[in-house]
Amino acid sequence: MKKKAVIIGGGLGGMSAGIRLASDQYDVTILEKGERLGGKLNIRSGKGYSFDTGPSILTMPWVLEQLFKSANRDIADYLDIVRIEPQWRTFFEDGTVLDLTSDLPSMLEQIKKESPEDAAEFFNYLQYCSKMYDYCLKSFYKKSLNGVNDLRVHHTLKEMLSMEPMKSMDQITKKHFKNKHLQQLFNFLVMYIGSSPYHAPAILSQLAHVQLGLGIYYVHGGMYKIAEAMKEVLGELGAEVRLQSKVIRLHTDGMKATGVELEDGTVVEADIVVSNLEAIPFYNTVLKEHSGSAKAAKDLEKYAPTVSGLVLLLGVDKTYEHLAHHNFFFSEDPKKEFSQIFDEGVPADDPTVYIGISSKSDPMQAPEGKENFFVLTHVPPLKDGENWADMKEKYTSLVLDKLERMGAADLRKHIEFQYTFTPDDIRELYGSNGGSIYGVETDRKKNGGFKIPGRSSVLSNLYFAGGSTHPGGGVPMVTLSGQLTADLILEDELKESQQTG
């Protein structure tokens, strides 16, 4: 008889775990409180414009390929994944414009123009970043890790020292580049996981290899197609998906979960429970009645939430020809910007602003002659009792002022559709801690750069998957977390059967 695995939350981590467990002959049920699967990977439309409301950049597509292969599927049968060039177009206050591109001769030429002495270091930097990525393939991307002891299993002492655990990502960037624009550009890659380059460990320099070595991608028809493809595979594997099914309580017996209770009183029995809801909110809500939950949540406080965001979906009735698919309008003083967001916990006076325009690569995403602007500005996560009611209008104005000043002239005059998400909305929609976008902050001093373990410390058959769980936030990492958590479950099942056998 198949074991019943119940997954709370149908984000990418939950769906990924579901695909793996269904492939491994579990009876899988996904319970999602919203009206569709995907979690933060979601969609919205209006006046002929289509928007991905969450992730807009796909990196490391091998993670998706690996997931589909585990279910004996070919991802090419489900998704049309296309490479994007230039990868980013970046704008600086002094008028400098740099295109980040995996066309390395072109990238080198831009660096030479900006800083001849830095051009000599470019390939040394890439070699370093490639080495960091290779280390991650041996451990971080292969197994669910809890800390340094787990890391020692996969690496020699020499390799662990080569990861330079005492150094920050910013220190590595500044070792290779003297030009402030290049430092800011390569440091900002860490915002794929919503962390600070001044706090994040050196090994995250690998993100330059992920970007320039492996490329960045888009899914034709919109990034939400990833969620639709996963849903299709889940259906083919016989997994059950229940939408608008909010879980309010976990039923337990001693150290085991026995089932989950929905808002309407329905109880779904379970042999295994995987929470795609972040661990701290889970312990404080769904499992709050259990005696071990308060301590478990307290023990996890070193895993601070990443940044949240102010998101503007703008339907614009003209085309801005000088903008690319992905655009970053950088702050004048990155040190101050990151200090305000991560150290002081206040929105930056001069934030970096991202504009994604998927209609540049996929014209069907906007009416002809018009463009769909996905505007994201990172802000601190919400503190207890805090909300954005008084900040929304003022900060939206600050963001639009910056964009009009730095390259999107007269933007306000051309907006014919607008929808806004604040940190309050993100917290309410997805239950994330403080409205966090990327799960848990990667901080070498607070948590050694590690994430929340995939196994619960409270119940023996409770597991976690998603952005706050190893290996972290972003489409590939969240998808990988579901796969690695499924590996943990199988590992524990094997141990249990060997002990009882």
Protein backbone atom coordinates (compact mmCIF):
# COMPACT_ATOMS: atom_id res chain seq x y z
CA MET A 1 0.00 0.00 0.00
CA LYS A 2 1.32 3.44 -0.96
CA LYS A 3 2.32 5.86 1.80
CA LYS A 4 0.36 9.12 1.87
CA ALA A 5 2.39 12.28 1.46
CA VAL A 6 0.54 15.54 2.09
CA ILE A 7 2.19 18.74 0.87
CA ILE A 8 1.05 22.03 2.39
CA GLY A 9 1.42 24.73 -0.26
CA GLY A 10 1.71 24.49 -4.01
CA GLY A 11 4.68 26.73 -4.70
CA LEU A 12 7.61 25.48 -6.76
CA GLY A 13 9.17 23.75 -3.75
CA GLY A 14 5.95 21.93 -2.92
CA MET A 15 5.28 20.93 -6.51
CA SER A 16 8.86 19.77 -7.00
CA ALA A 17 8.70 17.59 -3.88
CA GLY A 18 5.32 16.32 -5.08
CA ILE A 19 6.66 15.28 -8.49
CA ARG A 20 9.58 13.46 -6.92
CA LEU A 21 7.47 11.68 -4.29
CA ALA A 22 4.77 10.71 -6.80
CA SER A 23 7.53 9.35 -9.07
CA ASP A 24 8.76 7.34 -6.07
CA GLN A 25 5.33 5.77 -5.64
CA TYR A 26 3.91 7.90 -2.85
CA ASP A 27 0.24 8.82 -2.82
CA VAL A 28 0.63 12.61 -3.08
CA THR A 29 -1.91 15.31 -2.18
CA ILE A 30 -1.04 19.01 -2.54
CA LEU A 31 -3.15 21.45 -0.53
CA GLU A 32 -2.96 25.03 -1.80
CA LYS A 33 -4.84 27.90 -0.16
CA GLY A 34 -4.84 30.04 -3.32
CA GLU A 35 -6.77 29.76 -6.56
CA ARG A 36 -3.80 28.41 -8.54
CA LEU A 37 -0.49 26.65 -8.07
CA GLY A 38 2.89 28.37 -8.33
CA GLY A 39 3.27 30.31 -5.08
CA LYS A 40 5.18 33.53 -5.73
CA LEU A 41 5.52 32.42 -9.36
CA ASN A 42 2.17 33.78 -10.42
CA ILE A 43 0.37 35.78 -13.09
CA ARG A 44 -1.86 38.80 -13.47
CA SER A 45 -3.33 40.45 -16.54
CA GLY A 46 -5.37 43.47 -17.55
CA LYS A 47 -6.09 45.63 -20.61
CA GLY A 48 -4.29 43.16 -22.86
CA TYR A 49 -1.12 43.09 -20.74
CA SER A 50 0.22 39.89 -19.12
CA PHE A 51 2.61 39.92 -16.18
CA ASP A 52 4.60 37.35 -14.27
CA THR A 53 4.14 38.68 -10.75
CA GLY A 54 7.12 36.85 -9.23
CA PRO A 55 10.36 35.51 -10.70
CA SER A 56 11.19 36.98 -14.09
CA ILE A 57 14.62 35.41 -14.70
CA LEU A 58 15.41 31.71 -15.00
CA THR A 59 18.92 30.50 -14.21
CA MET A 60 20.34 26.98 -13.98
CA PRO A 61 17.65 25.33 -16.14
CA TRP A 62 19.38 22.00 -15.50
CA VAL A 63 17.50 21.89 -12.18
CA LEU A 64 14.16 21.80 -14.02
CA GLU A 65 15.53 19.32 -16.55
CA GLN A 66 16.67 17.07 -13.69
CA LEU A 67 13.25 17.22 -12.03
CA PHE A 68 11.37 16.30 -15.19
CA LYS A 69 13.87 13.54 -15.95
CA SER A 70 13.25 12.05 -12.49
CA ALA A 71 9.63 11.61 -13.59
CA ASN A 72 10.74 10.11 -16.94
CA ARG A 73 9.71 13.29 -18.76
CA ASP A 74 11.53 15.49 -21.25
CA ILE A 75 11.19 19.13 -20.29
CA ALA A 76 11.27 20.13 -23.98
CA ASP A 77 7.83 18.49 -24.35
CA TYR A 78 6.41 20.96 -21.81
CA LEU A 79 8.40 24.21 -21.98
CA ASP A 80 10.04 26.40 -24.62
CA ILE A 81 13.05 27.79 -22.75
CA VAL A 82 14.91 30.60 -24.55
CA ARG A 83 18.20 32.30 -23.75
CA ILE A 84 18.17 36.07 -23.17
CA GLU A 85 20.86 38.47 -24.43
CA PRO A 86 21.87 40.95 -23.26
CA GLN A 87 21.29 39.43 -19.87
CA TRP A 88 20.95 42.73 -18.02
CA ARG A 89 21.13 46.34 -19.15
CA THR A 90 22.40 48.42 -16.26
CA PHE A 91 22.07 52.17 -15.80
CA PHE A 92 24.13 54.35 -13.46
CA GLU A 93 23.43 57.86 -12.18
CA ASP A 94 26.40 59.33 -14.08
CA GLY A 95 24.92 58.15 -17.40
CA THR A 96 27.08 55.02 -17.77
CA VAL A 97 25.25 52.08 -19.36
CA LEU A 98 26.69 48.55 -19.20
CA ASP A 99 25.25 45.39 -20.73
CA LEU A 100 25.92 42.23 -18.77
CA THR A 101 26.37 39.52 -21.38
CA SER A 102 27.64 35.96 -21.67
CA ASP A 103 29.28 37.02 -24.95
CA LEU A 104 32.61 37.21 -23.12
CA PRO A 105 34.59 39.11 -25.81
CA SER A 106 31.85 41.75 -25.80
CA MET A 107 31.80 41.81 -21.99
CA LEU A 108 35.58 42.20 -21.92
CA GLU A 109 35.43 45.12 -24.36
CA GLN A 110 32.92 46.92 -22.14
CA ILE A 111 35.12 46.35 -19.09
CA LYS A 112 38.16 47.67 -20.99
CA LYS A 113 36.31 50.88 -21.82
CA GLU A 114 35.19 51.27 -18.23
CA SER A 115 38.46 50.25 -16.56
CA PRO A 116 41.48 48.88 -18.49
CA GLU A 117 43.19 47.59 -15.33
CA ASP A 118 40.06 45.58 -14.37
CA ALA A 119 39.93 43.95 -17.81
CA ALA A 120 43.16 42.10 -16.97
CA GLU A 121 41.44 40.55 -13.94
CA PHE A 122 38.15 39.59 -15.60
CA PHE A 123 39.05 36.02 -16.53
CA ASN A 124 40.74 35.40 -13.16
CA TYR A 125 37.47 36.47 -11.55
CA LEU A 126 35.45 34.13 -13.77
CA GLN A 127 37.80 31.26 -12.98
CA TYR A 128 37.34 31.87 -9.24
CA CYS A 129 33.55 32.00 -9.62
CA SER A 130 33.57 28.80 -11.66
CA LYS A 131 35.55 27.04 -8.93
CA MET A 132 32.99 28.15 -6.31
CA TYR A 133 30.18 26.80 -8.49
CA ASP A 134 31.95 23.45 -8.85
CA TYR A 135 32.21 23.20 -5.07
CA CYS A 136 28.46 23.78 -4.82
CA LEU A 137 27.77 20.99 -7.29
CA LYS A 138 29.58 18.62 -4.94
CA SER A 139 27.51 19.55 -1.87
CA PHE A 140 25.04 22.47 -1.76
CA TYR A 141 23.25 21.39 -4.94
CA LYS A 142 23.53 17.69 -4.23
CA LYS A 143 22.35 17.17 -0.64
CA SER A 144 20.18 18.89 1.93
CA LEU A 145 22.71 20.40 4.35
CA ASN A 146 22.25 21.55 7.94
CA GLY A 147 25.65 23.07 8.64
CA VAL A 148 29.42 22.78 8.53
CA ASN A 149 29.44 19.15 9.72
CA ASP A 150 27.36 18.11 6.70
CA LEU A 151 29.69 20.10 4.46
CA ARG A 152 32.73 18.18 5.75
CA VAL A 153 31.25 14.95 4.40
CA HIS A 154 31.51 16.25 0.84
CA HIS A 155 34.70 18.31 0.89
CA THR A 156 38.33 17.99 1.89
CA LEU A 157 39.73 20.48 4.37
CA LYS A 158 41.63 22.11 1.50
CA GLU A 159 38.38 22.62 -0.45
CA MET A 160 36.61 24.05 2.58
CA LEU A 161 39.43 26.56 3.11
CA SER A 162 39.34 27.40 -0.61
CA MET A 163 35.72 28.48 -0.15
CA GLU A 164 37.12 31.34 1.98
CA PRO A 165 34.39 31.15 4.66
CA MET A 166 35.70 34.22 6.51
CA LYS A 167 35.41 36.47 3.46
CA SER A 168 32.36 38.22 2.05
CA MET A 169 31.21 38.29 -1.55
CA ASP A 170 32.01 42.02 -1.62
CA GLN A 171 35.62 41.35 -0.59
CA ILE A 172 36.06 38.97 -3.52
CA THR A 173 34.49 41.42 -5.96
CA LYS A 174 36.76 44.23 -4.79
CA LYS A 175 39.81 41.98 -4.98
CA HIS A 176 39.23 41.61 -8.73
CA PHE A 177 37.65 44.96 -9.70
CA LYS A 178 38.67 48.50 -8.72
CA ASN A 179 36.02 50.31 -10.77
CA LYS A 180 32.99 51.20 -8.66
CA HIS A 181 30.47 50.45 -11.44
CA LEU A 182 31.88 46.96 -11.99
CA GLN A 183 31.94 46.30 -8.25
CA GLN A 184 28.30 47.35 -7.96
CA LEU A 185 27.25 45.31 -10.99
CA PHE A 186 28.83 42.03 -9.91
CA ASN A 187 27.90 42.49 -6.24
CA PHE A 188 24.27 42.92 -7.21
CA LEU A 189 24.08 39.35 -8.51
CA VAL A 190 23.51 38.32 -4.89
CA MET A 191 20.05 39.89 -5.04
CA TYR A 192 18.93 36.74 -6.88
CA ILE A 193 18.72 35.39 -3.34
CA GLY A 194 17.80 38.64 -1.61
CA SER A 195 20.94 39.04 0.48
CA SER A 196 23.67 41.63 1.02
CA PRO A 197 27.08 41.22 -0.68
CA TYR A 198 28.62 42.69 2.48
CA HIS A 199 27.14 39.88 4.61
CA ALA A 200 26.97 36.96 2.16
CA PRO A 201 29.88 34.48 2.06
CA ALA A 202 32.48 34.48 -0.72
CA ILE A 203 31.16 31.26 -2.21
CA LEU A 204 28.19 33.20 -3.58
CA SER A 205 30.56 34.79 -6.07
CA GLN A 206 29.62 31.64 -8.01
CA LEU A 207 26.54 33.58 -9.15
CA ALA A 208 28.75 35.27 -11.75
CA HIS A 209 29.44 31.83 -13.22
CA VAL A 210 25.74 30.94 -13.04
CA GLN A 211 25.00 34.12 -15.00
CA LEU A 212 27.89 34.41 -17.46
CA GLY A 213 28.89 30.76 -17.71
CA LEU A 214 25.46 29.10 -17.79
CA GLY A 215 23.31 31.95 -19.11
CA ILE A 216 19.92 33.38 -18.16
CA TYR A 217 16.64 32.24 -19.66
CA TYR A 218 12.98 33.02 -20.16
CA VAL A 219 10.09 30.67 -20.78
CA HIS A 220 8.11 31.53 -23.91
CA GLY A 221 4.54 32.44 -22.94
CA GLY A 222 5.64 33.68 -19.52
CA MET A 223 7.49 32.26 -16.54
CA TYR A 224 4.21 30.96 -15.12
CA LYS A 225 4.42 28.24 -17.77
CA ILE A 226 6.86 26.51 -15.37
CA ALA A 227 4.08 26.10 -12.80
CA GLU A 228 1.65 24.94 -15.47
CA ALA A 229 4.15 22.33 -16.70
CA MET A 230 4.72 21.03 -13.18
CA LYS A 231 0.98 20.84 -12.60
CA GLU A 232 0.60 18.83 -15.81
CA VAL A 233 3.27 16.34 -14.71
CA LEU A 234 1.68 16.02 -11.27
CA GLY A 235 -1.61 15.14 -12.96
CA GLU A 236 0.06 12.57 -15.18
CA LEU A 237 1.64 10.97 -12.10
CA GLY A 238 -1.72 10.69 -10.35
CA ALA A 239 -1.07 13.30 -7.65
CA GLU A 240 -4.14 15.07 -6.24
CA VAL A 241 -4.19 18.88 -6.17
CA ARG A 242 -6.75 20.72 -4.04
CA LEU A 243 -6.95 24.47 -4.57
CA GLN A 244 -8.53 26.97 -2.14
CA SER A 245 -7.76 24.48 0.62
CA LYS A 246 -6.16 26.38 3.49
CA VAL A 247 -4.52 24.24 6.16
CA ILE A 248 -5.11 25.59 9.67
CA ARG A 249 -3.82 22.80 11.90
CA LEU A 250 -1.57 19.77 11.95
CA HIS A 251 -2.86 16.70 13.77
CA THR A 252 -0.18 14.91 15.74
CA ASP A 253 0.36 11.84 17.88
CA GLY A 254 3.46 12.18 20.02
CA MET A 255 6.40 12.94 17.71
CA LYS A 256 4.50 12.24 14.51
CA ALA A 257 2.09 14.12 12.26
CA THR A 258 -1.01 12.07 11.49
CA GLY A 259 -2.89 14.46 9.22
CA VAL A 260 -3.80 18.04 8.39
CA GLU A 261 -7.00 19.95 9.07
CA LEU A 262 -8.44 22.38 6.54
CA GLU A 263 -10.33 25.59 7.20
CA ASP A 264 -13.62 23.84 6.40
CA GLY A 265 -12.94 21.15 9.02
CA THR A 266 -11.87 18.43 6.58
CA VAL A 267 -9.03 16.25 7.87
CA VAL A 268 -6.59 14.69 5.39
CA GLU A 269 -4.61 11.78 6.80
CA ALA A 270 -0.87 11.64 6.17
CA ASP A 271 2.13 9.38 6.68
CA ILE A 272 4.49 12.16 5.57
CA VAL A 273 3.91 15.95 5.68
CA VAL A 274 5.93 18.44 3.65
CA SER A 275 5.38 22.13 4.36
CA ASN A 276 6.01 24.55 1.51
CA LEU A 277 5.01 27.25 3.99
CA GLU A 278 8.17 28.65 5.61
CA ALA A 279 9.21 26.96 8.85
CA ILE A 280 8.87 29.91 11.25
CA PRO A 281 5.34 30.91 10.10
CA PHE A 282 4.45 27.20 10.06
CA TYR A 283 5.48 26.68 13.69
CA ASN A 284 3.71 29.90 14.71
CA THR A 285 0.42 29.04 13.00
CA VAL A 286 -0.25 25.52 11.73
CA LEU A 287 1.69 23.79 14.53
CA LYS A 288 1.36 26.44 17.26
CA GLU A 289 -0.55 24.09 19.59
CA HIS A 290 2.33 21.61 19.74
CA SER A 291 4.54 21.91 22.82
CA GLY A 292 7.78 22.00 20.82
CA SER A 293 6.78 24.65 18.29
CA ALA A 294 7.56 27.83 20.21
CA LYS A 295 11.12 26.66 20.94
CA ALA A 296 11.61 25.47 17.36
CA ALA A 297 10.56 28.87 15.98
CA LYS A 298 12.83 30.62 18.50
CA ASP A 299 15.78 28.40 17.52
CA LEU A 300 15.36 29.46 13.91
CA GLU A 301 15.56 33.21 14.53
CA LYS A 302 19.16 33.31 13.23
CA TYR A 303 17.61 32.63 9.82
CA ALA A 304 16.38 36.19 9.21
CA PRO A 305 13.96 36.78 6.33
CA THR A 306 15.34 38.19 3.10
CA VAL A 307 14.15 41.42 1.59
CA SER A 308 10.55 41.99 0.62
CA GLY A 309 9.57 44.21 -2.28
CA LEU A 310 7.38 46.90 -3.74
CA VAL A 311 6.11 45.54 -7.06
CA LEU A 312 4.48 47.72 -9.74
CA LEU A 313 2.84 46.08 -12.75
CA LEU A 314 2.61 48.80 -15.37
CA GLY A 315 0.94 48.62 -18.76
CA VAL A 316 2.74 51.30 -20.80
CA ASP A 317 1.20 52.66 -24.02
CA LYS A 318 4.51 53.14 -25.85
CA THR A 319 7.82 51.32 -26.38
CA TYR A 320 11.10 52.37 -24.79
CA GLU A 321 13.51 51.23 -27.48
CA HIS A 322 16.68 51.75 -25.40
CA LEU A 323 15.51 49.37 -22.68
CA ALA A 324 16.22 45.61 -22.78
CA HIS A 325 14.27 42.62 -21.42
CA HIS A 326 15.99 43.03 -18.02
CA ASN A 327 17.04 46.48 -16.76
CA PHE A 328 18.61 47.66 -13.52
CA PHE A 329 18.73 51.30 -12.46
CA PHE A 330 21.43 51.36 -9.81
CA SER A 331 21.71 53.46 -6.68
CA GLU A 332 24.38 56.13 -6.42
CA ASP A 333 25.78 54.68 -3.16
CA PRO A 334 25.40 50.87 -2.92
CA LYS A 335 27.05 50.68 0.52
CA LYS A 336 24.45 53.08 1.93
CA GLU A 337 21.62 51.30 0.08
CA PHE A 338 22.49 47.87 1.49
CA SER A 339 23.18 49.30 4.95
CA GLN A 340 19.76 50.95 5.11
CA ILE A 341 17.92 47.81 3.94
CA PHE A 342 19.88 45.12 5.80
CA ASP A 343 21.39 46.87 8.85
CA GLU A 344 18.95 49.67 9.66
CA GLY A 345 15.84 47.87 8.38
CA VAL A 346 14.49 50.91 6.53
CA PRO A 347 13.70 51.42 2.82
CA ALA A 348 16.65 52.90 0.95
CA ASP A 349 16.54 56.62 0.14
CA ASP A 350 17.93 55.77 -3.30
CA PRO A 351 17.09 52.15 -4.14
CA THR A 352 18.19 50.09 -7.11
CA VAL A 353 15.12 49.52 -9.30
CA TYR A 354 14.57 46.61 -11.68
CA ILE A 355 12.32 46.71 -14.75
CA GLY A 356 11.51 43.46 -16.52
CA ILE A 357 9.85 43.84 -19.92
CA SER A 358 9.02 40.34 -21.14
CA SER A 359 7.24 41.76 -24.20
CA LYS A 360 10.72 42.61 -25.55
CA SER A 361 11.30 38.85 -26.07
CA ASP A 362 7.67 37.71 -26.17
CA PRO A 363 5.47 40.29 -27.99
CA MET A 364 2.24 38.50 -27.04
CA GLN A 365 2.73 39.72 -23.44
CA ALA A 366 1.56 43.24 -24.37
CA PRO A 367 -0.62 44.88 -27.02
CA GLU A 368 1.20 45.91 -30.20
CA GLY A 369 3.28 49.05 -29.76
CA LYS A 370 3.04 48.82 -25.96
CA GLU A 371 5.09 47.23 -23.16
CA ASN A 372 4.53 45.38 -19.89
CA PHE A 373 6.76 46.79 -17.13
CA PHE A 374 7.36 44.57 -14.10
CA VAL A 375 8.99 46.99 -11.64
CA LEU A 376 10.61 45.59 -8.49
CA THR A 377 12.25 47.56 -5.71
CA HIS A 378 13.67 45.65 -2.75
CA VAL A 379 12.69 46.84 0.72
CA PRO A 380 13.25 45.42 4.23
CA PRO A 381 10.97 42.61 5.46
CA LEU A 382 8.10 43.67 7.69
CA LYS A 383 8.69 43.81 11.42
CA ASP A 384 5.98 42.65 13.84
CA GLY A 385 3.05 45.07 13.76
CA GLU A 386 4.44 46.97 10.77
CA ASN A 387 2.59 47.61 7.51
CA TRP A 388 3.00 49.58 4.30
CA ALA A 389 -0.25 51.55 4.34
CA ASP A 390 1.50 54.87 4.96
CA MET A 391 4.55 54.06 2.78
CA LYS A 392 2.92 52.77 -0.41
CA GLU A 393 2.10 56.05 -2.16
CA LYS A 394 5.25 57.89 -1.10
CA TYR A 395 7.64 55.10 -2.08
CA THR A 396 5.87 54.42 -5.37
CA SER A 397 6.39 58.08 -6.24
CA LEU A 398 10.09 57.84 -5.30
CA VAL A 399 10.53 54.82 -7.59
CA LEU A 400 8.74 56.43 -10.54
CA ASP A 401 10.74 59.64 -10.07
CA LYS A 402 13.97 57.63 -10.28
CA LEU A 403 12.90 55.76 -13.41
CA GLU A 404 11.82 58.94 -15.19
CA ARG A 405 15.13 60.58 -14.25
CA MET A 406 17.33 57.67 -15.33
CA GLY A 407 15.82 56.47 -18.59
CA ALA A 408 12.06 56.01 -18.70
CA ALA A 409 11.15 59.57 -19.62
CA ASP A 410 7.57 60.69 -18.95
CA LEU A 411 6.68 57.19 -17.71
CA ARG A 412 3.72 58.39 -15.64
CA LYS A 413 2.06 59.91 -18.74
CA HIS A 414 2.11 56.55 -20.50
CA ILE A 415 0.80 54.24 -17.77
CA GLU A 416 -2.63 52.90 -18.76
CA PHE A 417 -2.71 49.90 -16.41
CA GLN A 418 -1.26 49.67 -12.91
CA TYR A 419 -1.37 47.09 -10.14
CA THR A 420 0.73 47.24 -6.97
CA PHE A 421 1.96 44.60 -4.52
CA THR A 422 3.38 45.74 -1.17
CA PRO A 423 5.16 43.64 1.48
CA ASP A 424 1.76 43.34 3.22
CA ASP A 425 0.30 41.70 0.12
CA ILE A 426 3.24 39.32 -0.25
CA ARG A 427 2.95 38.24 3.40
CA GLU A 428 -0.80 37.78 3.12
CA LEU A 429 -0.72 35.90 -0.18
CA TYR A 430 2.17 33.55 0.54
CA GLY A 431 2.51 33.48 4.33
CA SER A 432 6.21 34.31 4.08
CA ASN A 433 8.04 35.60 7.14
CA GLY A 434 7.87 39.42 7.03
CA GLY A 435 6.72 39.29 3.40
CA SER A 436 10.10 37.87 2.41
CA ILE A 437 10.54 37.22 -1.31
CA TYR A 438 13.55 34.89 -1.28
CA GLY A 439 13.14 32.98 2.00
CA VAL A 440 16.10 33.28 4.35
CA GLU A 441 18.93 35.81 4.21
CA THR A 442 22.37 34.33 3.48
CA ASP A 443 24.62 35.81 6.16
CA ARG A 444 28.02 34.31 6.92
CA LYS A 445 28.02 35.66 10.51
CA LYS A 446 24.41 34.98 11.53
CA ASN A 447 23.90 31.54 9.99
CA GLY A 448 27.13 30.63 8.21
CA GLY A 449 25.33 31.07 4.90
CA PHE A 450 23.16 28.00 5.57
CA LYS A 451 19.38 27.72 5.31
CA ILE A 452 16.70 26.13 7.49
CA PRO A 453 17.11 22.32 7.57
CA GLY A 454 14.71 20.23 5.48
CA ARG A 455 13.88 17.98 8.45
CA SER A 456 11.71 19.31 11.26
CA SER A 457 13.21 19.24 14.76
CA VAL A 458 9.73 18.77 16.25
CA LEU A 459 8.09 15.89 14.35
CA SER A 460 9.86 12.89 12.82
CA ASN A 461 7.74 12.83 9.66
CA LEU A 462 7.52 16.60 9.01
CA TYR A 463 9.72 18.20 6.36
CA PHE A 464 10.14 21.60 4.73
CA ALA A 465 10.73 22.74 1.13
CA GLY A 466 10.92 26.21 -0.39
CA GLY A 467 12.98 29.39 -0.35
CA SER A 468 13.77 29.37 3.37
CA THR A 469 14.97 25.75 3.19
CA HIS A 470 18.31 24.58 1.82
CA PRO A 471 19.58 25.55 -0.74
CA GLY A 472 17.55 28.81 -0.78
CA GLY A 473 15.51 31.25 -2.88
CA GLY A 474 15.02 31.79 -6.60
CA VAL A 475 13.42 29.45 -9.15
CA PRO A 476 16.24 26.88 -9.43
CA MET A 477 17.05 26.81 -5.71
CA VAL A 478 13.42 26.47 -4.62
CA THR A 479 12.83 23.75 -7.21
CA LEU A 480 15.98 22.00 -6.04
CA SER A 481 14.90 22.24 -2.40
CA GLY A 482 11.83 20.13 -3.19
CA GLN A 483 14.01 17.49 -4.83
CA LEU A 484 16.53 17.43 -1.97
CA THR A 485 13.75 17.22 0.62
CA ALA A 486 12.32 14.24 -1.27
CA ASP A 487 15.79 12.67 -1.06
CA LEU A 488 15.72 13.20 2.74
CA ILE A 489 12.35 11.49 3.00
CA LEU A 490 13.56 8.47 1.03
CA GLU A 491 16.74 8.35 3.10
CA ASP A 492 14.75 8.34 6.35
CA GLU A 493 12.33 5.73 5.01
CA LEU A 494 15.25 3.46 4.08
CA LYS A 495 16.80 3.81 7.55
CA GLU A 496 13.44 3.07 9.18
CA SER A 497 12.87 -0.04 7.05
CA GLN A 498 16.38 -1.31 7.78
CA GLN A 499 15.83 -0.85 11.51
CA THR A 500 12.44 -2.57 11.53
CA GLY A 501 13.53 -5.23 9.02
